[in-house]
């Protein structure tokens, strides 16, 4: 299938709606960057694709194609339903825009969004995205990327959602992310958040010394 698609594109054929229907969701994830670029954006209006099982790079490229395909409907309620299958590749700025449109995103969709995009959202923006589905956030709070999102939010702002979310940054603490080096045979490098309390006494001492000098 991959060889057939590659040959089709090499012969100069665009991946239009007919070709995308032939490829379907089953072979969609086989497309490489060059083949994805060959997709004619308007063809996505007539194709039914589901890229959730594809690589993040593929999701990102397909999202940009879909955004171009449906750009003329961004200010209509139907836009969200049209772009929904491709939201796994959406950047944070586009999710922030959707948060103002009362889209009532399902929690199952929310957890498939790009992790870096989710981490950039404020509690208010997450509330805007989920809408009526906001209570589901508490039931999924131990799952990534929700768990990671909670850990970088101020606990006081999480409390304003009235969902009982815990694990946010407490006032008067600094959240510092440092590299975590695994044992030689363990998993790849990750990160671990280390929380250090501020030292008001030390700050006061430094201020006093500065005044006296």
N, C-alpha and C. Protein backbone atom coordinates (compact mmCIF):
# COMPACT_ATOMS: atom_id res chain seq x y z
N UNK A 1 0.83 -1.21 0.00
CA UNK A 1 0.00 0.00 0.00
C UNK A 1 0.86 1.26 0.00
N UNK A 2 1.91 1.26 0.82
CA UNK A 2 2.80 2.41 0.89
C UNK A 2 3.50 2.65 -0.44
N UNK A 3 3.94 1.56 -1.08
CA UNK A 3 4.62 1.68 -2.38
C UNK A 3 3.66 2.19 -3.44
N UNK A 4 2.42 1.75 -3.40
CA UNK A 4 1.43 2.18 -4.39
C UNK A 4 1.13 3.67 -4.23
N UNK A 5 1.01 4.11 -2.99
CA UNK A 5 0.74 5.54 -2.74
C UNK A 5 1.92 6.38 -3.20
N UNK A 6 3.13 5.91 -2.88
CA UNK A 6 4.33 6.65 -3.25
C UNK A 6 4.43 6.80 -4.78
N UNK A 7 4.16 5.69 -5.48
CA UNK A 7 4.23 5.72 -6.94
C UNK A 7 3.17 6.65 -7.51
N UNK A 8 2.00 6.65 -6.93
CA UNK A 8 0.89 7.50 -7.38
C UNK A 8 1.30 8.98 -7.29
N UNK A 9 1.93 9.36 -6.18
CA UNK A 9 2.35 10.75 -5.98
C UNK A 9 3.53 11.09 -6.89
N UNK A 10 4.46 10.15 -7.06
CA UNK A 10 5.63 10.38 -7.92
C UNK A 10 5.22 10.66 -9.36
N UNK A 11 4.10 10.11 -9.78
CA UNK A 11 3.59 10.33 -11.14
C UNK A 11 2.92 11.69 -11.29
N UNK A 12 2.91 12.46 -10.20
CA UNK A 12 2.38 13.82 -10.26
C UNK A 12 0.92 13.96 -9.93
N UNK A 13 0.32 12.91 -9.40
CA UNK A 13 -1.11 12.98 -9.06
C UNK A 13 -1.29 13.60 -7.67
N UNK A 14 -2.25 14.49 -7.53
CA UNK A 14 -2.57 15.06 -6.22
C UNK A 14 -3.44 14.08 -5.44
N UNK A 15 -3.31 14.14 -4.14
CA UNK A 15 -4.16 13.29 -3.30
C UNK A 15 -5.48 14.03 -3.09
N UNK A 16 -6.40 13.83 -4.05
CA UNK A 16 -7.71 14.49 -3.98
C UNK A 16 -8.69 13.62 -3.19
N UNK A 17 -9.94 14.00 -3.21
CA UNK A 17 -10.94 13.29 -2.41
C UNK A 17 -11.05 11.83 -2.82
N UNK A 18 -11.00 11.55 -4.12
CA UNK A 18 -11.11 10.16 -4.59
C UNK A 18 -9.94 9.33 -4.08
N UNK A 19 -8.73 9.89 -4.17
CA UNK A 19 -7.55 9.18 -3.71
C UNK A 19 -7.59 8.98 -2.20
N UNK A 20 -8.02 10.00 -1.46
CA UNK A 20 -8.08 9.89 0.00
C UNK A 20 -9.12 8.85 0.43
N UNK A 21 -10.22 8.76 -0.30
CA UNK A 21 -11.22 7.74 0.01
C UNK A 21 -10.64 6.35 -0.22
N UNK A 22 -9.81 6.22 -1.27
CA UNK A 22 -9.19 4.93 -1.56
C UNK A 22 -8.17 4.56 -0.48
N UNK A 23 -7.43 5.57 -0.02
CA UNK A 23 -6.44 5.34 1.05
C UNK A 23 -7.15 5.03 2.36
N UNK A 24 -8.14 5.89 2.69
CA UNK A 24 -8.94 5.69 3.90
C UNK A 24 -8.14 5.78 5.18
N UNK A 25 -8.82 5.64 6.27
CA UNK A 25 -8.18 5.70 7.58
C UNK A 25 -7.18 4.56 7.75
N UNK A 26 -7.44 3.43 7.12
CA UNK A 26 -6.59 2.25 7.29
C UNK A 26 -5.14 2.50 6.89
N UNK A 27 -4.94 3.26 5.78
CA UNK A 27 -3.59 3.48 5.28
C UNK A 27 -3.13 4.94 5.44
N UNK A 28 -3.94 5.76 6.06
CA UNK A 28 -3.62 7.17 6.20
C UNK A 28 -2.28 7.39 6.90
N UNK A 29 -2.01 6.60 7.92
CA UNK A 29 -0.79 6.80 8.71
C UNK A 29 0.47 6.36 7.98
N UNK A 30 0.31 5.74 6.80
CA UNK A 30 1.48 5.35 6.00
C UNK A 30 2.06 6.52 5.23
N UNK A 31 1.31 7.60 5.10
CA UNK A 31 1.76 8.73 4.30
C UNK A 31 2.94 9.43 4.97
N UNK A 32 3.96 9.73 4.15
CA UNK A 32 5.10 10.47 4.67
C UNK A 32 4.88 11.97 4.45
N UNK A 33 5.86 12.78 4.84
CA UNK A 33 5.70 14.22 4.75
C UNK A 33 5.43 14.71 3.34
N UNK A 34 6.16 14.17 2.36
CA UNK A 34 5.98 14.58 0.97
C UNK A 34 4.58 14.24 0.47
N UNK A 35 4.10 13.07 0.84
CA UNK A 35 2.77 12.63 0.41
C UNK A 35 1.67 13.44 1.10
N UNK A 36 1.89 13.78 2.35
CA UNK A 36 0.92 14.61 3.06
C UNK A 36 0.83 16.00 2.44
N UNK A 37 1.97 16.52 2.00
CA UNK A 37 1.97 17.82 1.35
C UNK A 37 1.24 17.78 0.02
N UNK A 38 1.14 16.60 -0.58
CA UNK A 38 0.45 16.45 -1.87
C UNK A 38 -1.06 16.46 -1.73
N UNK A 39 -1.56 16.42 -0.49
CA UNK A 39 -3.01 16.44 -0.28
C UNK A 39 -3.57 17.80 -0.70
N UNK A 40 -4.61 17.77 -1.50
CA UNK A 40 -5.29 19.00 -1.92
C UNK A 40 -6.26 19.38 -0.80
N UNK A 41 -6.00 20.48 -0.05
CA UNK A 41 -6.82 20.81 1.12
C UNK A 41 -8.33 20.74 0.92
N UNK A 42 -8.88 21.30 -0.18
CA UNK A 42 -10.34 21.23 -0.35
C UNK A 42 -10.89 19.81 -0.38
N UNK A 43 -10.02 18.82 -0.71
CA UNK A 43 -10.50 17.44 -0.78
C UNK A 43 -10.89 16.91 0.60
N UNK A 44 -10.36 17.53 1.66
CA UNK A 44 -10.69 17.08 3.02
C UNK A 44 -12.15 17.38 3.36
N UNK A 45 -12.76 18.28 2.60
CA UNK A 45 -14.17 18.59 2.85
C UNK A 45 -15.06 17.41 2.49
N UNK A 46 -14.57 16.56 1.57
CA UNK A 46 -15.39 15.44 1.10
C UNK A 46 -14.86 14.09 1.57
N UNK A 47 -13.69 14.10 2.22
CA UNK A 47 -13.11 12.83 2.68
C UNK A 47 -13.44 12.61 4.15
N UNK A 48 -13.53 11.37 4.55
CA UNK A 48 -13.80 11.03 5.94
C UNK A 48 -12.57 10.30 6.49
N UNK A 49 -11.74 11.04 7.24
CA UNK A 49 -10.48 10.50 7.73
C UNK A 49 -10.43 10.56 9.25
N UNK A 50 -9.67 9.67 9.84
CA UNK A 50 -9.52 9.62 11.30
C UNK A 50 -8.04 9.39 11.61
N UNK A 51 -7.26 10.47 11.85
CA UNK A 51 -5.82 10.35 12.04
C UNK A 51 -5.36 10.11 13.48
N UNK A 52 -6.26 9.74 14.37
CA UNK A 52 -5.91 9.64 15.78
C UNK A 52 -4.81 8.62 16.06
N UNK A 53 -4.67 7.60 15.20
CA UNK A 53 -3.65 6.58 15.43
C UNK A 53 -2.32 6.91 14.76
N UNK A 54 -2.25 8.03 14.07
CA UNK A 54 -1.03 8.40 13.34
C UNK A 54 -0.01 9.06 14.25
N UNK A 55 1.19 9.27 13.71
CA UNK A 55 2.25 9.94 14.47
C UNK A 55 1.87 11.40 14.70
N UNK A 56 2.52 12.03 15.68
CA UNK A 56 2.22 13.42 15.97
C UNK A 56 2.55 14.32 14.78
N UNK A 57 3.62 14.01 14.08
CA UNK A 57 3.98 14.81 12.90
C UNK A 57 2.89 14.75 11.85
N UNK A 58 2.34 13.55 11.62
CA UNK A 58 1.25 13.40 10.66
C UNK A 58 0.02 14.18 11.10
N UNK A 59 -0.30 14.10 12.39
CA UNK A 59 -1.45 14.84 12.91
C UNK A 59 -1.26 16.34 12.71
N UNK A 60 -0.05 16.83 12.97
CA UNK A 60 0.23 18.26 12.82
C UNK A 60 0.02 18.72 11.39
N UNK A 61 0.56 17.94 10.43
CA UNK A 61 0.43 18.31 9.03
C UNK A 61 -1.02 18.24 8.55
N UNK A 62 -1.73 17.20 8.97
CA UNK A 62 -3.14 17.07 8.57
C UNK A 62 -3.99 18.18 9.16
N UNK A 63 -3.66 18.58 10.39
CA UNK A 63 -4.43 19.68 11.00
C UNK A 63 -4.30 20.95 10.17
N UNK A 64 -3.07 21.27 9.74
CA UNK A 64 -2.87 22.47 8.94
C UNK A 64 -3.63 22.40 7.62
N UNK A 65 -3.65 21.21 7.01
CA UNK A 65 -4.42 21.03 5.78
C UNK A 65 -5.91 21.21 6.03
N UNK A 66 -6.40 20.63 7.13
CA UNK A 66 -7.82 20.73 7.45
C UNK A 66 -8.21 22.16 7.80
N UNK A 67 -7.33 22.86 8.50
CA UNK A 67 -7.62 24.25 8.86
C UNK A 67 -7.76 25.09 7.60
N UNK A 68 -6.89 24.83 6.62
CA UNK A 68 -6.99 25.55 5.35
C UNK A 68 -8.27 25.17 4.61
N UNK A 69 -8.61 23.90 4.66
CA UNK A 69 -9.80 23.42 3.95
C UNK A 69 -11.09 24.05 4.49
N UNK A 70 -11.15 24.22 5.80
CA UNK A 70 -12.39 24.72 6.43
C UNK A 70 -12.27 26.17 6.88
N UNK A 71 -11.27 26.89 6.39
CA UNK A 71 -11.03 28.26 6.86
C UNK A 71 -12.22 29.18 6.62
N UNK A 72 -12.97 28.92 5.59
CA UNK A 72 -14.11 29.78 5.29
C UNK A 72 -15.28 29.60 6.25
N UNK A 73 -15.20 28.61 7.13
CA UNK A 73 -16.32 28.34 8.05
C UNK A 73 -15.92 28.51 9.52
N UNK A 74 -14.79 29.17 9.76
CA UNK A 74 -14.30 29.30 11.13
C UNK A 74 -15.25 30.05 12.05
N UNK A 75 -16.08 30.89 11.49
CA UNK A 75 -16.98 31.69 12.31
C UNK A 75 -18.40 31.10 12.38
N UNK A 76 -18.54 29.85 11.95
CA UNK A 76 -19.83 29.18 11.99
C UNK A 76 -19.79 28.03 13.00
N UNK A 77 -20.90 27.72 13.65
CA UNK A 77 -20.93 26.64 14.65
C UNK A 77 -20.46 25.29 14.10
N UNK A 78 -20.68 25.05 12.80
CA UNK A 78 -20.32 23.76 12.22
C UNK A 78 -18.81 23.57 12.12
N UNK A 79 -18.04 24.63 12.25
CA UNK A 79 -16.59 24.53 12.08
C UNK A 79 -15.97 23.53 13.05
N UNK A 80 -16.42 23.56 14.29
CA UNK A 80 -15.84 22.66 15.29
C UNK A 80 -16.01 21.19 14.90
N UNK A 81 -17.19 20.83 14.44
CA UNK A 81 -17.45 19.44 14.04
C UNK A 81 -16.60 19.05 12.84
N UNK A 82 -16.34 20.00 11.95
CA UNK A 82 -15.55 19.72 10.75
C UNK A 82 -14.07 19.50 11.10
N UNK A 83 -13.56 20.32 12.01
CA UNK A 83 -12.14 20.26 12.34
C UNK A 83 -11.84 19.23 13.43
N UNK A 84 -12.88 18.73 14.09
CA UNK A 84 -12.73 17.84 15.24
C UNK A 84 -11.81 16.64 15.00
N UNK A 85 -11.91 15.90 13.89
CA UNK A 85 -11.05 14.73 13.72
C UNK A 85 -9.56 15.07 13.66
N UNK A 86 -9.24 16.34 13.41
CA UNK A 86 -7.86 16.73 13.20
C UNK A 86 -7.26 17.52 14.37
N UNK A 87 -8.04 17.69 15.44
CA UNK A 87 -7.60 18.53 16.55
C UNK A 87 -6.37 18.00 17.29
N UNK A 88 -6.03 16.73 17.08
CA UNK A 88 -4.84 16.18 17.71
C UNK A 88 -3.56 16.86 17.26
N UNK A 89 -3.65 17.64 16.18
CA UNK A 89 -2.48 18.37 15.71
C UNK A 89 -2.58 19.87 15.89
N UNK A 90 -3.58 20.32 16.65
CA UNK A 90 -3.82 21.76 16.80
C UNK A 90 -2.81 22.42 17.75
N UNK A 91 -2.26 23.58 17.38
CA UNK A 91 -1.38 24.32 18.29
C UNK A 91 -2.19 25.01 19.37
N UNK A 92 -1.52 25.47 20.41
CA UNK A 92 -2.20 26.08 21.55
C UNK A 92 -3.03 27.29 21.15
N UNK A 93 -2.52 28.11 20.23
CA UNK A 93 -3.22 29.34 19.87
C UNK A 93 -4.60 29.03 19.28
N UNK A 94 -4.72 27.92 18.55
CA UNK A 94 -6.02 27.57 17.96
C UNK A 94 -6.97 27.01 19.01
N UNK A 95 -6.42 26.28 19.99
CA UNK A 95 -7.25 25.77 21.08
C UNK A 95 -7.77 26.92 21.94
N UNK A 96 -6.94 27.93 22.13
CA UNK A 96 -7.36 29.11 22.90
C UNK A 96 -8.53 29.80 22.19
N UNK A 97 -8.44 29.86 20.86
CA UNK A 97 -9.53 30.48 20.10
C UNK A 97 -10.81 29.66 20.22
N UNK A 98 -10.70 28.35 20.17
CA UNK A 98 -11.88 27.48 20.30
C UNK A 98 -12.50 27.61 21.69
N UNK A 99 -11.68 27.90 22.69
CA UNK A 99 -12.20 27.99 24.06
C UNK A 99 -13.21 29.13 24.21
N UNK A 100 -13.21 30.04 23.26
CA UNK A 100 -14.15 31.17 23.33
C UNK A 100 -15.43 30.91 22.53
N UNK A 101 -15.54 29.68 21.97
CA UNK A 101 -16.67 29.39 21.09
C UNK A 101 -17.69 28.41 21.67
N UNK A 102 -17.58 28.09 22.96
CA UNK A 102 -18.56 27.19 23.60
C UNK A 102 -18.71 25.87 22.83
N UNK A 103 -17.59 25.19 22.60
CA UNK A 103 -17.64 23.97 21.79
C UNK A 103 -18.00 22.73 22.60
N UNK A 104 -17.92 22.79 23.94
CA UNK A 104 -18.25 21.63 24.79
C UNK A 104 -17.49 20.37 24.36
N UNK A 105 -16.17 20.49 24.32
CA UNK A 105 -15.32 19.38 23.89
C UNK A 105 -15.45 18.19 24.83
N UNK A 106 -15.54 16.99 24.28
CA UNK A 106 -15.56 15.77 25.09
C UNK A 106 -14.19 15.56 25.73
N UNK A 107 -14.19 15.00 26.93
CA UNK A 107 -12.93 14.75 27.63
C UNK A 107 -12.08 13.75 26.86
N UNK A 108 -12.72 12.82 26.15
CA UNK A 108 -11.97 11.83 25.37
C UNK A 108 -11.22 12.48 24.22
N UNK A 109 -11.73 13.59 23.73
CA UNK A 109 -11.02 14.37 22.71
C UNK A 109 -9.92 15.19 23.36
N UNK A 110 -10.20 15.75 24.51
CA UNK A 110 -9.25 16.62 25.20
C UNK A 110 -7.94 15.88 25.50
N UNK A 111 -8.02 14.63 25.93
CA UNK A 111 -6.81 13.89 26.32
C UNK A 111 -5.99 13.45 25.10
N UNK A 112 -6.52 13.63 23.89
CA UNK A 112 -5.75 13.28 22.69
C UNK A 112 -5.11 14.50 22.05
N UNK A 113 -5.27 15.68 22.64
CA UNK A 113 -4.66 16.89 22.10
C UNK A 113 -3.15 16.86 22.31
N UNK A 114 -2.45 17.68 21.55
CA UNK A 114 -1.00 17.78 21.70
C UNK A 114 -0.67 18.21 23.13
N UNK A 115 0.25 17.49 23.76
CA UNK A 115 0.57 17.76 25.15
C UNK A 115 1.07 19.18 25.36
N UNK A 116 1.97 19.64 24.49
CA UNK A 116 2.51 20.99 24.67
C UNK A 116 1.45 22.05 24.49
N UNK A 117 0.42 21.75 23.67
CA UNK A 117 -0.68 22.69 23.50
C UNK A 117 -1.54 22.76 24.75
N UNK A 118 -1.81 21.60 25.35
CA UNK A 118 -2.61 21.55 26.57
C UNK A 118 -1.91 22.28 27.71
N UNK A 119 -0.60 22.10 27.84
CA UNK A 119 0.15 22.72 28.94
C UNK A 119 0.13 24.24 28.84
N UNK A 120 -0.14 24.77 27.67
CA UNK A 120 -0.17 26.23 27.49
C UNK A 120 -1.51 26.85 27.85
N UNK A 121 -2.51 26.03 28.13
CA UNK A 121 -3.85 26.53 28.42
C UNK A 121 -4.00 26.91 29.88
N UNK A 122 -4.74 27.97 30.15
CA UNK A 122 -5.06 28.37 31.52
C UNK A 122 -6.28 27.60 31.99
N UNK A 123 -6.54 27.53 33.29
CA UNK A 123 -7.76 26.88 33.77
C UNK A 123 -9.03 27.46 33.15
N UNK A 124 -9.04 28.77 32.95
CA UNK A 124 -10.20 29.39 32.33
C UNK A 124 -10.40 28.94 30.90
N UNK A 125 -9.29 28.76 30.17
CA UNK A 125 -9.39 28.32 28.78
C UNK A 125 -9.81 26.86 28.69
N UNK A 126 -9.34 26.03 29.62
CA UNK A 126 -9.79 24.64 29.65
C UNK A 126 -11.28 24.58 29.96
N UNK A 127 -11.72 25.43 30.86
CA UNK A 127 -13.16 25.49 31.18
C UNK A 127 -13.95 25.90 29.94
N UNK A 128 -13.41 26.85 29.17
CA UNK A 128 -14.09 27.28 27.96
C UNK A 128 -14.16 26.18 26.91
N UNK A 129 -13.11 25.36 26.83
CA UNK A 129 -13.10 24.27 25.86
C UNK A 129 -14.09 23.17 26.23
N UNK A 130 -14.05 22.75 27.50
CA UNK A 130 -14.87 21.62 27.93
C UNK A 130 -16.32 22.00 28.17
N UNK A 131 -16.55 23.20 28.63
CA UNK A 131 -17.92 23.65 28.86
C UNK A 131 -18.71 22.73 29.78
N UNK A 132 -19.78 22.17 29.27
CA UNK A 132 -20.62 21.28 30.06
C UNK A 132 -19.90 20.01 30.50
N UNK A 133 -18.81 19.68 29.84
CA UNK A 133 -18.06 18.46 30.16
C UNK A 133 -16.95 18.70 31.17
N UNK A 134 -16.86 19.90 31.73
CA UNK A 134 -15.79 20.23 32.67
C UNK A 134 -15.71 19.28 33.86
N UNK A 135 -16.83 18.82 34.47
CA UNK A 135 -16.73 17.90 35.62
C UNK A 135 -15.95 16.62 35.32
N UNK A 136 -15.90 16.22 34.04
CA UNK A 136 -15.16 15.02 33.67
C UNK A 136 -13.66 15.17 33.93
N UNK A 137 -13.20 16.41 34.01
CA UNK A 137 -11.77 16.66 34.23
C UNK A 137 -11.30 16.02 35.53
N UNK A 138 -12.15 16.05 36.56
CA UNK A 138 -11.78 15.48 37.85
C UNK A 138 -11.63 13.97 37.77
N UNK A 139 -12.45 13.31 36.97
CA UNK A 139 -12.39 11.85 36.85
C UNK A 139 -11.17 11.38 36.06
N UNK A 140 -10.62 12.27 35.25
CA UNK A 140 -9.49 11.92 34.40
C UNK A 140 -8.18 12.58 34.87
N UNK A 141 -8.17 13.13 36.07
CA UNK A 141 -7.04 13.95 36.48
C UNK A 141 -5.75 13.17 36.69
N UNK A 142 -5.81 11.86 36.78
CA UNK A 142 -4.59 11.07 36.94
C UNK A 142 -4.02 10.60 35.61
N UNK A 143 -4.63 11.03 34.52
CA UNK A 143 -4.18 10.61 33.19
C UNK A 143 -3.48 11.75 32.47
N UNK A 144 -2.40 11.42 31.75
CA UNK A 144 -1.71 12.42 30.94
C UNK A 144 -2.59 12.73 29.71
N UNK A 145 -2.65 13.98 29.25
CA UNK A 145 -1.86 15.14 29.70
C UNK A 145 -2.52 15.96 30.82
N UNK A 146 -3.67 15.51 31.32
CA UNK A 146 -4.35 16.28 32.35
C UNK A 146 -3.50 16.36 33.61
N UNK A 147 -2.90 15.25 34.01
CA UNK A 147 -2.04 15.25 35.20
C UNK A 147 -0.89 16.25 35.05
N UNK A 148 -0.27 16.27 33.87
CA UNK A 148 0.85 17.17 33.63
C UNK A 148 0.38 18.63 33.62
N UNK A 149 -0.81 18.84 33.08
CA UNK A 149 -1.37 20.20 33.05
C UNK A 149 -1.63 20.71 34.46
N UNK A 150 -2.19 19.86 35.31
CA UNK A 150 -2.49 20.25 36.69
C UNK A 150 -1.22 20.67 37.41
N UNK A 151 -0.12 19.96 37.19
CA UNK A 151 1.12 20.21 37.91
C UNK A 151 1.77 21.55 37.59
N UNK A 152 1.39 22.18 36.48
CA UNK A 152 1.99 23.47 36.14
C UNK A 152 1.01 24.63 36.35
N UNK A 153 -0.15 24.35 36.92
CA UNK A 153 -1.13 25.39 37.21
C UNK A 153 -1.04 25.82 38.68
N UNK A 154 -1.41 27.06 38.95
CA UNK A 154 -1.50 27.52 40.34
C UNK A 154 -2.68 26.81 41.00
N UNK A 155 -2.45 26.29 42.19
CA UNK A 155 -3.51 25.58 42.89
C UNK A 155 -4.71 26.49 43.15
N UNK A 156 -4.43 27.77 43.41
CA UNK A 156 -5.52 28.71 43.68
C UNK A 156 -6.43 28.86 42.46
N UNK A 157 -5.86 28.80 41.25
CA UNK A 157 -6.66 28.92 40.04
C UNK A 157 -7.43 27.63 39.76
N UNK A 158 -6.81 26.49 40.10
CA UNK A 158 -7.52 25.21 39.96
C UNK A 158 -8.71 25.15 40.91
N UNK A 159 -8.53 25.70 42.11
CA UNK A 159 -9.61 25.69 43.09
C UNK A 159 -10.83 26.46 42.59
N UNK A 160 -10.61 27.45 41.73
CA UNK A 160 -11.71 28.26 41.22
C UNK A 160 -12.62 27.45 40.28
N UNK A 161 -12.14 26.30 39.82
CA UNK A 161 -12.97 25.44 38.97
C UNK A 161 -13.94 24.61 39.80
N UNK A 162 -13.69 24.52 41.14
CA UNK A 162 -14.56 23.79 42.08
C UNK A 162 -14.73 22.32 41.68
N UNK A 163 -13.62 21.70 41.29
CA UNK A 163 -13.64 20.30 40.89
C UNK A 163 -12.85 19.40 41.83
N UNK A 164 -12.20 20.00 42.83
CA UNK A 164 -11.39 19.22 43.75
C UNK A 164 -10.07 18.76 43.15
N UNK A 165 -9.58 19.45 42.13
CA UNK A 165 -8.30 19.09 41.52
C UNK A 165 -7.15 19.43 42.48
N UNK A 166 -6.22 18.52 42.64
CA UNK A 166 -5.09 18.75 43.53
C UNK A 166 -3.79 18.42 42.80
N UNK A 167 -2.69 19.02 43.30
CA UNK A 167 -1.39 18.77 42.69
C UNK A 167 -0.82 19.97 41.98
N UNK A 168 -1.53 21.10 42.05
CA UNK A 168 -1.04 22.31 41.41
C UNK A 168 0.04 22.97 42.25
N UNK A 169 0.60 24.04 41.74
CA UNK A 169 1.67 24.78 42.41
C UNK A 169 1.06 25.63 43.52
N UNK A 170 1.53 25.44 44.74
CA UNK A 170 1.04 26.21 45.88
C UNK A 170 1.63 27.62 45.85
N UNK A 171 0.88 28.57 46.37
CA UNK A 171 1.38 29.95 46.46
C UNK A 171 2.61 29.97 47.36
N UNK A 172 3.63 30.74 46.96
CA UNK A 172 4.85 30.82 47.75
C UNK A 172 5.85 29.74 47.43
N UNK A 173 5.60 28.96 46.36
CA UNK A 173 6.53 27.91 45.94
C UNK A 173 6.92 28.14 44.48
N UNK A 174 8.09 27.67 44.15
CA UNK A 174 8.58 27.75 42.78
C UNK A 174 8.64 26.34 42.22
N UNK A 175 8.07 26.14 41.03
CA UNK A 175 8.10 24.83 40.37
C UNK A 175 9.28 24.83 39.39
N UNK A 176 10.30 24.04 39.67
CA UNK A 176 11.49 23.98 38.81
C UNK A 176 11.56 22.60 38.17
N UNK A 177 11.64 22.57 36.84
CA UNK A 177 11.73 21.31 36.12
C UNK A 177 13.19 21.06 35.78
N UNK A 178 13.73 19.94 36.25
CA UNK A 178 15.13 19.60 36.01
C UNK A 178 15.23 18.24 35.33
N UNK A 179 16.33 17.98 34.59
CA UNK A 179 16.47 16.69 33.92
C UNK A 179 16.54 15.55 34.92
N UNK A 180 15.99 14.42 34.56
CA UNK A 180 16.09 13.22 35.38
C UNK A 180 16.89 12.19 34.60
N UNK A 181 18.01 11.76 35.18
CA UNK A 181 18.89 10.84 34.48
C UNK A 181 18.60 9.42 34.94
N UNK A 182 18.18 8.55 34.01
CA UNK A 182 17.83 7.18 34.39
C UNK A 182 19.06 6.30 34.57
N UNK A 183 18.84 5.13 35.14
CA UNK A 183 19.89 4.13 35.22
C UNK A 183 20.22 3.68 33.80
N UNK A 184 21.41 3.10 33.55
CA UNK A 184 21.83 2.74 32.20
C UNK A 184 20.83 1.93 31.41
N UNK A 185 20.05 1.08 32.07
CA UNK A 185 19.13 0.20 31.34
C UNK A 185 17.67 0.63 31.47
N UNK A 186 17.43 1.82 32.02
CA UNK A 186 16.05 2.24 32.24
C UNK A 186 15.52 3.02 31.06
N UNK A 187 14.37 3.69 31.28
CA UNK A 187 13.67 4.39 30.21
C UNK A 187 14.43 5.63 29.77
N UNK A 188 14.01 6.29 28.65
CA UNK A 188 14.68 7.50 28.17
C UNK A 188 14.54 8.63 29.17
N UNK A 189 15.31 9.70 28.89
CA UNK A 189 15.29 10.86 29.76
C UNK A 189 13.89 11.42 29.90
N UNK A 190 13.55 11.84 31.09
CA UNK A 190 12.27 12.48 31.33
C UNK A 190 12.52 13.73 32.14
N UNK A 191 11.50 14.23 32.75
CA UNK A 191 11.65 15.39 33.61
C UNK A 191 10.96 15.13 34.91
N UNK A 192 11.45 15.76 35.94
CA UNK A 192 10.81 15.65 37.24
C UNK A 192 10.68 17.03 37.83
N UNK A 193 9.53 17.34 38.38
CA UNK A 193 9.29 18.65 38.95
C UNK A 193 9.72 18.66 40.40
N UNK A 194 10.60 19.59 40.76
CA UNK A 194 11.07 19.72 42.13
C UNK A 194 10.53 21.04 42.68
N UNK A 195 9.91 20.99 43.82
CA UNK A 195 9.28 22.16 44.40
C UNK A 195 10.11 22.67 45.57
N UNK A 196 10.50 23.94 45.49
CA UNK A 196 11.30 24.56 46.53
C UNK A 196 10.52 25.71 47.14
N UNK A 197 10.42 25.78 48.48
CA UNK A 197 9.75 26.91 49.11
C UNK A 197 10.63 28.15 49.03
N UNK A 198 10.01 29.30 48.93
CA UNK A 198 10.75 30.55 48.97
C UNK A 198 11.35 30.73 50.36
N UNK A 199 12.38 31.51 50.44
CA UNK A 199 13.07 31.72 51.72
C UNK A 199 12.93 33.19 52.12
N UNK A 200 11.81 33.54 52.71
CA UNK A 200 11.58 34.95 53.06
C UNK A 200 12.62 35.49 54.03
N UNK A 201 13.08 34.65 54.97
CA UNK A 201 14.08 35.12 55.93
C UNK A 201 15.37 35.51 55.23
N UNK A 202 15.80 34.70 54.26
CA UNK A 202 17.02 34.99 53.52
C UNK A 202 16.86 36.27 52.70
N UNK A 203 15.68 36.41 52.08
CA UNK A 203 15.43 37.60 51.30
C UNK A 203 15.46 38.85 52.18
N UNK A 204 14.89 38.73 53.38
CA UNK A 204 14.90 39.85 54.31
C UNK A 204 16.32 40.21 54.73
N UNK A 205 17.14 39.19 54.96
CA UNK A 205 18.53 39.42 55.35
C UNK A 205 19.28 40.14 54.22
N UNK A 206 19.08 39.70 53.00
CA UNK A 206 19.74 40.33 51.87
C UNK A 206 19.31 41.78 51.71
N UNK A 207 18.00 42.03 51.94
CA UNK A 207 17.50 43.39 51.85
C UNK A 207 18.13 44.28 52.91
N UNK A 208 18.26 43.75 54.16
CA UNK A 208 18.86 44.51 55.26
C UNK A 208 20.30 44.85 54.95
N UNK A 209 21.06 43.86 54.45
CA UNK A 209 22.45 44.10 54.12
C UNK A 209 22.57 45.16 53.04
N UNK A 210 21.65 45.10 52.07
CA UNK A 210 21.67 46.08 50.97
C UNK A 210 21.42 47.48 51.48
N UNK A 211 20.49 47.63 52.43
CA UNK A 211 20.19 48.96 52.99
C UNK A 211 21.36 49.51 53.79
N UNK A 212 21.96 48.61 54.65
CA UNK A 212 23.07 49.04 55.50
C UNK A 212 24.32 49.43 54.69
N UNK A 213 24.48 48.77 53.55
CA UNK A 213 25.66 49.09 52.74
C UNK A 213 25.44 50.34 51.89
